[in-house]
Amino acid sequence: MEHTDRQLPVRLREDLVLLTAYLLSTGHGLLHEPAAYAPARAVDAARRTLGLLGEHDGPDRRLDEVRARIDEFFTDPHDGEPLAELLDELCVRMAEVVDAFREDASPAETQPR
């Protein structure tokens, strides 16, 4: 990757470094934790990523709804709803969000780099 004069805002860079540290420490922890922890850790990483997007790019109703659903699952009683059901729901919702982003993007923004 070439160096450019563009740099990320300091706070975003710091947040991305912290997210990277979280992901790596999660991977390390999973070497010794029960396998069932992995999906919950991945969902938490998605929640953190959505938080960064909201904080640095502003609110997006669609993404905020996904993050709220994750927060709800982990903080409110969910009557034993399996994580697999949550993941099914979130994957469908994120596919809809990705499709909407593609439709909203200009042709130049969707070109490979």
N, C-alpha and C. Protein backbone atom coordinates (compact mmCIF):
# COMPACT_ATOMS: atom_id res chain seq x y z
N MET A 1 0.84 -1.16 0.00
CA MET A 1 0.00 0.00 0.00
C MET A 1 0.89 1.23 0.00
N GLU A 2 0.56 2.19 -0.86
CA GLU A 2 1.35 3.40 -0.96
C GLU A 2 0.98 4.38 0.14
N HIS A 3 1.98 5.12 0.56
CA HIS A 3 1.72 6.17 1.54
C HIS A 3 1.12 7.37 0.82
N THR A 4 0.13 7.94 1.41
CA THR A 4 -0.47 9.16 0.86
C THR A 4 -0.45 10.23 1.93
N ASP A 5 -0.74 11.44 1.54
CA ASP A 5 -0.79 12.54 2.50
C ASP A 5 -2.06 12.49 3.33
N ARG A 6 -3.04 11.68 2.90
CA ARG A 6 -4.27 11.57 3.66
C ARG A 6 -4.02 10.72 4.89
N GLN A 7 -4.54 11.17 5.98
CA GLN A 7 -4.44 10.40 7.21
C GLN A 7 -5.80 10.38 7.87
N LEU A 8 -6.02 9.32 8.61
CA LEU A 8 -7.25 9.22 9.36
C LEU A 8 -7.25 10.24 10.49
N PRO A 9 -8.41 10.69 10.89
CA PRO A 9 -8.46 11.51 12.10
C PRO A 9 -7.87 10.73 13.27
N VAL A 10 -7.22 11.44 14.17
CA VAL A 10 -6.50 10.79 15.29
C VAL A 10 -7.42 9.87 16.08
N ARG A 11 -8.62 10.34 16.40
CA ARG A 11 -9.54 9.53 17.21
C ARG A 11 -9.96 8.26 16.48
N LEU A 12 -10.24 8.36 15.18
CA LEU A 12 -10.62 7.18 14.40
C LEU A 12 -9.46 6.19 14.35
N ARG A 13 -8.28 6.70 14.12
CA ARG A 13 -7.10 5.82 14.08
C ARG A 13 -6.95 5.09 15.41
N GLU A 14 -7.08 5.82 16.51
CA GLU A 14 -6.97 5.21 17.84
C GLU A 14 -8.05 4.15 18.03
N ASP A 15 -9.28 4.45 17.64
CA ASP A 15 -10.37 3.50 17.79
C ASP A 15 -10.14 2.24 16.95
N LEU A 16 -9.60 2.40 15.76
CA LEU A 16 -9.33 1.24 14.91
C LEU A 16 -8.18 0.40 15.47
N VAL A 17 -7.18 1.05 16.05
CA VAL A 17 -6.09 0.32 16.70
C VAL A 17 -6.64 -0.47 17.88
N LEU A 18 -7.51 0.14 18.66
CA LEU A 18 -8.11 -0.56 19.80
C LEU A 18 -9.00 -1.73 19.34
N LEU A 19 -9.73 -1.54 18.25
CA LEU A 19 -10.55 -2.63 17.71
C LEU A 19 -9.65 -3.78 17.25
N THR A 20 -8.55 -3.45 16.61
CA THR A 20 -7.60 -4.48 16.18
C THR A 20 -7.06 -5.24 17.39
N ALA A 21 -6.70 -4.51 18.44
CA ALA A 21 -6.21 -5.17 19.65
C ALA A 21 -7.28 -6.08 20.24
N TYR A 22 -8.54 -5.62 20.24
CA TYR A 22 -9.64 -6.45 20.74
C TYR A 22 -9.77 -7.73 19.90
N LEU A 23 -9.73 -7.59 18.59
CA LEU A 23 -9.88 -8.76 17.72
C LEU A 23 -8.74 -9.75 17.94
N LEU A 24 -7.53 -9.26 18.05
CA LEU A 24 -6.39 -10.16 18.26
C LEU A 24 -6.45 -10.82 19.63
N SER A 25 -6.80 -10.04 20.66
CA SER A 25 -6.89 -10.65 21.99
C SER A 25 -8.05 -11.64 22.05
N THR A 26 -9.11 -11.37 21.31
CA THR A 26 -10.22 -12.31 21.22
C THR A 26 -9.75 -13.61 20.59
N GLY A 27 -9.04 -13.50 19.47
CA GLY A 27 -8.50 -14.69 18.82
C GLY A 27 -7.60 -15.48 19.76
N HIS A 28 -6.77 -14.77 20.50
CA HIS A 28 -5.88 -15.44 21.45
C HIS A 28 -6.68 -16.12 22.55
N GLY A 29 -7.66 -15.42 23.08
CA GLY A 29 -8.48 -15.99 24.14
C GLY A 29 -9.24 -17.22 23.68
N LEU A 30 -9.65 -17.23 22.44
CA LEU A 30 -10.42 -18.36 21.93
C LEU A 30 -9.59 -19.64 21.82
N LEU A 31 -8.28 -19.49 21.85
CA LEU A 31 -7.45 -20.69 21.87
C LEU A 31 -7.68 -21.51 23.13
N HIS A 32 -8.11 -20.82 24.20
CA HIS A 32 -8.26 -21.49 25.50
C HIS A 32 -9.70 -21.48 26.02
N GLU A 33 -10.58 -20.77 25.35
CA GLU A 33 -11.97 -20.69 25.78
C GLU A 33 -12.80 -21.73 25.05
N PRO A 34 -13.97 -22.02 25.59
CA PRO A 34 -14.85 -22.97 24.89
C PRO A 34 -15.20 -22.46 23.49
N ALA A 35 -15.35 -23.37 22.57
CA ALA A 35 -15.64 -23.01 21.17
C ALA A 35 -16.93 -22.20 21.05
N ALA A 36 -17.86 -22.41 21.96
CA ALA A 36 -19.14 -21.70 21.90
C ALA A 36 -18.99 -20.20 22.10
N TYR A 37 -17.85 -19.75 22.65
CA TYR A 37 -17.64 -18.32 22.85
C TYR A 37 -17.39 -17.59 21.53
N ALA A 38 -16.86 -18.28 20.54
CA ALA A 38 -16.45 -17.63 19.29
C ALA A 38 -17.57 -16.83 18.62
N PRO A 39 -18.77 -17.40 18.44
CA PRO A 39 -19.81 -16.61 17.79
C PRO A 39 -20.18 -15.35 18.57
N ALA A 40 -20.24 -15.45 19.89
CA ALA A 40 -20.57 -14.28 20.70
C ALA A 40 -19.48 -13.22 20.58
N ARG A 41 -18.25 -13.63 20.54
CA ARG A 41 -17.14 -12.69 20.38
C ARG A 41 -17.21 -12.01 19.02
N ALA A 42 -17.55 -12.75 17.98
CA ALA A 42 -17.67 -12.16 16.64
C ALA A 42 -18.82 -11.16 16.60
N VAL A 43 -19.93 -11.48 17.24
CA VAL A 43 -21.06 -10.56 17.29
C VAL A 43 -20.67 -9.30 18.06
N ASP A 44 -19.91 -9.46 19.15
CA ASP A 44 -19.46 -8.29 19.90
C ASP A 44 -18.52 -7.43 19.06
N ALA A 45 -17.67 -8.04 18.27
CA ALA A 45 -16.78 -7.27 17.38
C ALA A 45 -17.60 -6.49 16.35
N ALA A 46 -18.67 -7.10 15.84
CA ALA A 46 -19.55 -6.39 14.91
C ALA A 46 -20.21 -5.21 15.62
N ARG A 47 -20.64 -5.42 16.85
CA ARG A 47 -21.26 -4.35 17.64
C ARG A 47 -20.29 -3.19 17.82
N ARG A 48 -19.06 -3.51 18.15
CA ARG A 48 -18.03 -2.47 18.34
C ARG A 48 -17.76 -1.73 17.03
N THR A 49 -17.71 -2.45 15.93
CA THR A 49 -17.48 -1.84 14.64
C THR A 49 -18.62 -0.89 14.27
N LEU A 50 -19.84 -1.33 14.50
CA LEU A 50 -20.99 -0.46 14.23
C LEU A 50 -20.95 0.78 15.12
N GLY A 51 -20.48 0.62 16.34
CA GLY A 51 -20.32 1.78 17.23
C GLY A 51 -19.32 2.78 16.67
N LEU A 52 -18.22 2.28 16.13
CA LEU A 52 -17.23 3.17 15.52
C LEU A 52 -17.81 3.88 14.30
N LEU A 53 -18.54 3.15 13.49
CA LEU A 53 -19.17 3.78 12.33
C LEU A 53 -20.11 4.91 12.76
N GLY A 54 -20.93 4.64 13.74
CA GLY A 54 -21.86 5.65 14.21
C GLY A 54 -21.16 6.86 14.80
N GLU A 55 -20.09 6.60 15.53
CA GLU A 55 -19.36 7.68 16.18
C GLU A 55 -18.60 8.55 15.18
N HIS A 56 -18.03 7.93 14.16
CA HIS A 56 -17.15 8.66 13.25
C HIS A 56 -17.81 9.05 11.94
N ASP A 57 -18.88 8.37 11.56
CA ASP A 57 -19.53 8.66 10.28
C ASP A 57 -20.93 9.22 10.48
N GLY A 58 -21.38 9.27 11.70
CA GLY A 58 -22.71 9.79 11.97
C GLY A 58 -23.74 8.68 11.99
N PRO A 59 -24.93 9.01 12.45
CA PRO A 59 -25.97 7.99 12.58
C PRO A 59 -26.45 7.48 11.22
N ASP A 60 -26.80 6.22 11.21
CA ASP A 60 -27.43 5.58 10.06
C ASP A 60 -28.50 4.66 10.65
N ARG A 61 -29.73 4.98 10.40
CA ARG A 61 -30.84 4.26 11.01
C ARG A 61 -30.71 2.76 10.85
N ARG A 62 -30.34 2.31 9.66
CA ARG A 62 -30.26 0.87 9.40
C ARG A 62 -29.19 0.20 10.27
N LEU A 63 -28.02 0.83 10.33
CA LEU A 63 -26.93 0.25 11.13
C LEU A 63 -27.21 0.40 12.62
N ASP A 64 -27.83 1.51 12.99
CA ASP A 64 -28.19 1.71 14.40
C ASP A 64 -29.17 0.64 14.86
N GLU A 65 -30.10 0.25 13.98
CA GLU A 65 -31.05 -0.81 14.32
C GLU A 65 -30.35 -2.15 14.54
N VAL A 66 -29.37 -2.44 13.71
CA VAL A 66 -28.62 -3.69 13.87
C VAL A 66 -27.87 -3.67 15.20
N ARG A 67 -27.20 -2.56 15.48
CA ARG A 67 -26.45 -2.47 16.75
C ARG A 67 -27.40 -2.55 17.94
N ALA A 68 -28.54 -1.89 17.85
CA ALA A 68 -29.51 -1.94 18.94
C ALA A 68 -30.01 -3.37 19.18
N ARG A 69 -30.18 -4.11 18.11
CA ARG A 69 -30.64 -5.51 18.24
C ARG A 69 -29.58 -6.35 18.94
N ILE A 70 -28.31 -6.11 18.61
CA ILE A 70 -27.23 -6.83 19.28
C ILE A 70 -27.20 -6.45 20.76
N ASP A 71 -27.26 -5.15 21.04
CA ASP A 71 -27.27 -4.69 22.43
C ASP A 71 -28.42 -5.32 23.21
N GLU A 72 -29.59 -5.33 22.58
CA GLU A 72 -30.78 -5.90 23.21
C GLU A 72 -30.56 -7.38 23.55
N PHE A 73 -29.98 -8.11 22.63
CA PHE A 73 -29.74 -9.54 22.85
C PHE A 73 -28.83 -9.78 24.05
N PHE A 74 -27.77 -8.96 24.15
CA PHE A 74 -26.80 -9.20 25.21
C PHE A 74 -27.15 -8.55 26.54
N THR A 75 -28.06 -7.59 26.55
CA THR A 75 -28.34 -6.90 27.81
C THR A 75 -29.72 -7.22 28.38
N ASP A 76 -30.68 -7.56 27.54
CA ASP A 76 -32.03 -7.84 28.02
C ASP A 76 -32.26 -9.35 28.06
N PRO A 77 -33.12 -9.78 28.95
CA PRO A 77 -33.46 -11.20 28.92
C PRO A 77 -34.07 -11.55 27.56
N HIS A 78 -33.62 -12.62 26.98
CA HIS A 78 -34.12 -12.99 25.65
C HIS A 78 -34.72 -14.38 25.65
N ASP A 79 -35.17 -14.79 26.80
CA ASP A 79 -35.89 -16.06 26.94
C ASP A 79 -35.18 -17.22 26.27
N GLY A 80 -33.87 -17.27 26.39
CA GLY A 80 -33.12 -18.39 25.84
C GLY A 80 -33.02 -18.41 24.34
N GLU A 81 -33.31 -17.26 23.69
CA GLU A 81 -33.18 -17.21 22.23
C GLU A 81 -31.75 -17.57 21.86
N PRO A 82 -31.58 -18.55 21.03
CA PRO A 82 -30.22 -18.98 20.66
C PRO A 82 -29.49 -17.91 19.84
N LEU A 83 -28.20 -17.87 20.05
CA LEU A 83 -27.35 -16.95 19.29
C LEU A 83 -27.47 -17.24 17.79
N ALA A 84 -27.68 -18.49 17.42
CA ALA A 84 -27.80 -18.84 16.01
C ALA A 84 -28.98 -18.11 15.36
N GLU A 85 -30.08 -17.98 16.09
CA GLU A 85 -31.24 -17.26 15.55
C GLU A 85 -30.92 -15.78 15.38
N LEU A 86 -30.22 -15.22 16.35
CA LEU A 86 -29.81 -13.82 16.24
C LEU A 86 -28.91 -13.63 15.02
N LEU A 87 -27.96 -14.52 14.85
CA LEU A 87 -27.04 -14.40 13.71
C LEU A 87 -27.78 -14.54 12.38
N ASP A 88 -28.73 -15.45 12.29
CA ASP A 88 -29.54 -15.55 11.07
C ASP A 88 -30.23 -14.23 10.78
N GLU A 89 -30.87 -13.68 11.79
CA GLU A 89 -31.59 -12.41 11.65
C GLU A 89 -30.64 -11.28 11.23
N LEU A 90 -29.49 -11.18 11.90
CA LEU A 90 -28.56 -10.09 11.63
C LEU A 90 -27.91 -10.21 10.26
N CYS A 91 -27.62 -11.43 9.85
CA CYS A 91 -27.02 -11.63 8.52
C CYS A 91 -27.99 -11.20 7.42
N VAL A 92 -29.25 -11.53 7.57
CA VAL A 92 -30.26 -11.12 6.58
C VAL A 92 -30.36 -9.59 6.58
N ARG A 93 -30.42 -9.01 7.76
CA ARG A 93 -30.54 -7.55 7.86
C ARG A 93 -29.32 -6.86 7.25
N MET A 94 -28.12 -7.34 7.55
CA MET A 94 -26.91 -6.72 7.00
C MET A 94 -26.83 -6.90 5.49
N ALA A 95 -27.32 -8.02 4.96
CA ALA A 95 -27.35 -8.19 3.50
C ALA A 95 -28.24 -7.11 2.88
N GLU A 96 -29.37 -6.82 3.53
CA GLU A 96 -30.25 -5.76 3.05
C GLU A 96 -29.55 -4.40 3.10
N VAL A 97 -28.81 -4.16 4.18
CA VAL A 97 -28.08 -2.90 4.34
C VAL A 97 -27.01 -2.77 3.26
N VAL A 98 -26.26 -3.84 3.03
CA VAL A 98 -25.20 -3.81 2.01
C VAL A 98 -25.82 -3.54 0.63
N ASP A 99 -26.92 -4.21 0.32
CA ASP A 99 -27.60 -3.96 -0.95
C ASP A 99 -28.03 -2.51 -1.06
N ALA A 100 -28.56 -1.95 0.01
CA ALA A 100 -28.99 -0.55 -0.01
C ALA A 100 -27.79 0.38 -0.19
N PHE A 101 -26.66 0.07 0.45
CA PHE A 101 -25.46 0.89 0.27
C PHE A 101 -25.00 0.85 -1.18
N ARG A 102 -25.05 -0.31 -1.79
CA ARG A 102 -24.65 -0.43 -3.19
C ARG A 102 -25.56 0.39 -4.09
N GLU A 103 -26.86 0.35 -3.80
CA GLU A 103 -27.81 1.12 -4.60
C GLU A 103 -27.61 2.62 -4.42
N ASP A 104 -27.23 3.03 -3.22
CA ASP A 104 -27.04 4.44 -2.92
C ASP A 104 -25.70 4.98 -3.44
N ALA A 105 -24.72 4.09 -3.62
CA ALA A 105 -23.37 4.52 -4.01
C ALA A 105 -23.33 4.91 -5.48
N SER A 106 -22.49 5.89 -5.76
CA SER A 106 -22.29 6.27 -7.16
C SER A 106 -21.40 5.23 -7.80
N PRO A 107 -21.42 5.12 -9.14
CA PRO A 107 -20.58 4.12 -9.82
C PRO A 107 -19.09 4.25 -9.47
N ALA A 108 -18.59 5.46 -9.29
CA ALA A 108 -17.18 5.65 -8.96
C ALA A 108 -16.84 5.09 -7.59
N GLU A 109 -17.80 5.15 -6.66
CA GLU A 109 -17.55 4.66 -5.31
C GLU A 109 -17.54 3.14 -5.23
N THR A 110 -18.11 2.47 -6.20
CA THR A 110 -18.19 1.01 -6.15
C THR A 110 -17.10 0.33 -6.98
N GLN A 111 -16.22 1.11 -7.60
CA GLN A 111 -15.15 0.55 -8.40
C GLN A 111 -14.08 -0.04 -7.49
N PRO A 112 -13.49 -1.19 -7.86
CA PRO A 112 -12.41 -1.77 -7.05
C PRO A 112 -11.21 -0.85 -7.05
N ARG A 113 -10.47 -0.89 -5.96
CA ARG A 113 -9.27 -0.04 -5.86
C ARG A 113 -8.06 -0.77 -6.35
